[in-house]
C-alpha cells in the first residue's frame, strides 16, 4: 500500500493501489511511468534503469509526483 497525502480526499490521503493505473513503457519494454488520477489531479511515478552487462536493472526508488 502506498499512501499519498492530499487535500483532495476527505480523509487527507489516498491509497494508490486502490485507484486504476495507466502505464507507459520504454522502447525496450521496461516500465517508464505509472499514472493515477483522483479528484482532478494526476500523480506520476517515473522508473529509471541502469544497464548492467546488457540487462536493464531498476535504479533508485520511484516516488509519486503530483503533476
Protein backbone atom coordinates (compact mmCIF):
# COMPACT_ATOMS: atom_id res chain seq x y z
CA UNK A 1 0.00 0.00 0.00
CA UNK A 2 1.29 3.44 -0.94
CA UNK A 3 -0.32 6.39 0.79
CA UNK A 4 -0.42 9.75 -0.99
CA UNK A 5 -1.30 12.71 1.20
CA UNK A 6 -3.63 15.18 -0.48
CA UNK A 7 -6.27 17.71 0.48
CA UNK A 8 -8.43 16.37 -2.39
CA UNK A 9 -9.58 13.48 -0.19
CA UNK A 10 -11.86 13.95 2.83
CA UNK A 11 -9.51 11.71 4.84
CA UNK A 12 -6.44 13.70 3.74
CA UNK A 13 -4.88 10.78 1.89
CA UNK A 14 -5.48 8.20 -0.84
CA UNK A 15 -4.15 4.68 -1.35
CA UNK A 16 -2.56 4.50 -4.81
CA UNK A 17 -3.23 0.77 -5.03
CA UNK A 18 -6.99 1.37 -4.79
CA UNK A 19 -7.06 3.51 -7.95
CA UNK A 20 -6.83 2.45 -11.60
CA UNK A 21 -3.33 2.92 -13.03
CA UNK A 22 -2.14 3.59 -16.55
CA UNK A 23 1.30 2.55 -17.72
CA UNK A 24 3.82 3.71 -20.33
CA UNK A 25 6.77 1.64 -21.49
CA UNK A 26 10.23 2.35 -22.86
CA UNK A 27 11.24 1.05 -26.29
CA UNK A 28 12.99 -1.91 -24.67
CA UNK A 29 9.80 -2.96 -22.87
CA UNK A 30 10.75 -1.72 -19.41
CA UNK A 31 8.19 0.26 -17.41
CA UNK A 32 8.69 4.02 -17.89
CA UNK A 33 5.82 5.57 -15.90
CA UNK A 34 2.77 4.69 -13.85
CA UNK A 35 -0.02 7.27 -13.55
CA UNK A 36 -3.07 7.59 -11.30
CA UNK A 37 -5.76 10.25 -11.07
CA UNK A 38 -8.04 11.33 -8.26
CA UNK A 39 -10.22 14.39 -7.77
CA UNK A 40 -9.00 16.05 -10.97
CA UNK A 41 -5.31 15.65 -10.06
CA UNK A 42 -2.77 13.26 -11.56
CA UNK A 43 0.28 11.68 -9.94
CA UNK A 44 3.09 10.04 -11.93
CA UNK A 45 5.74 7.60 -10.80
CA UNK A 46 8.79 7.51 -13.13
CA UNK A 47 11.07 4.49 -13.27
CA UNK A 48 14.80 4.62 -14.06
CA UNK A 49 17.14 1.83 -15.09
CA UNK A 50 20.87 1.14 -15.24
CA UNK A 51 22.37 -1.17 -17.84
CA UNK A 52 24.31 -3.93 -16.08
CA UNK A 53 26.02 -6.31 -18.51
CA UNK A 54 23.32 -5.77 -21.11
CA UNK A 55 20.42 -6.13 -18.65
CA UNK A 56 18.27 -3.18 -17.53
CA UNK A 57 18.20 -3.14 -13.71
CA UNK A 58 15.95 -0.75 -11.75
CA UNK A 59 17.86 2.14 -10.19
CA UNK A 60 16.63 4.39 -7.44
CA UNK A 61 13.22 4.31 -5.81
CA UNK A 62 10.34 5.79 -7.81
CA UNK A 63 8.01 8.12 -5.92
CA UNK A 64 4.62 9.63 -6.74
CA UNK A 65 4.86 13.21 -8.02
CA UNK A 66 1.75 15.36 -8.43
CA UNK A 67 1.57 16.89 -11.91
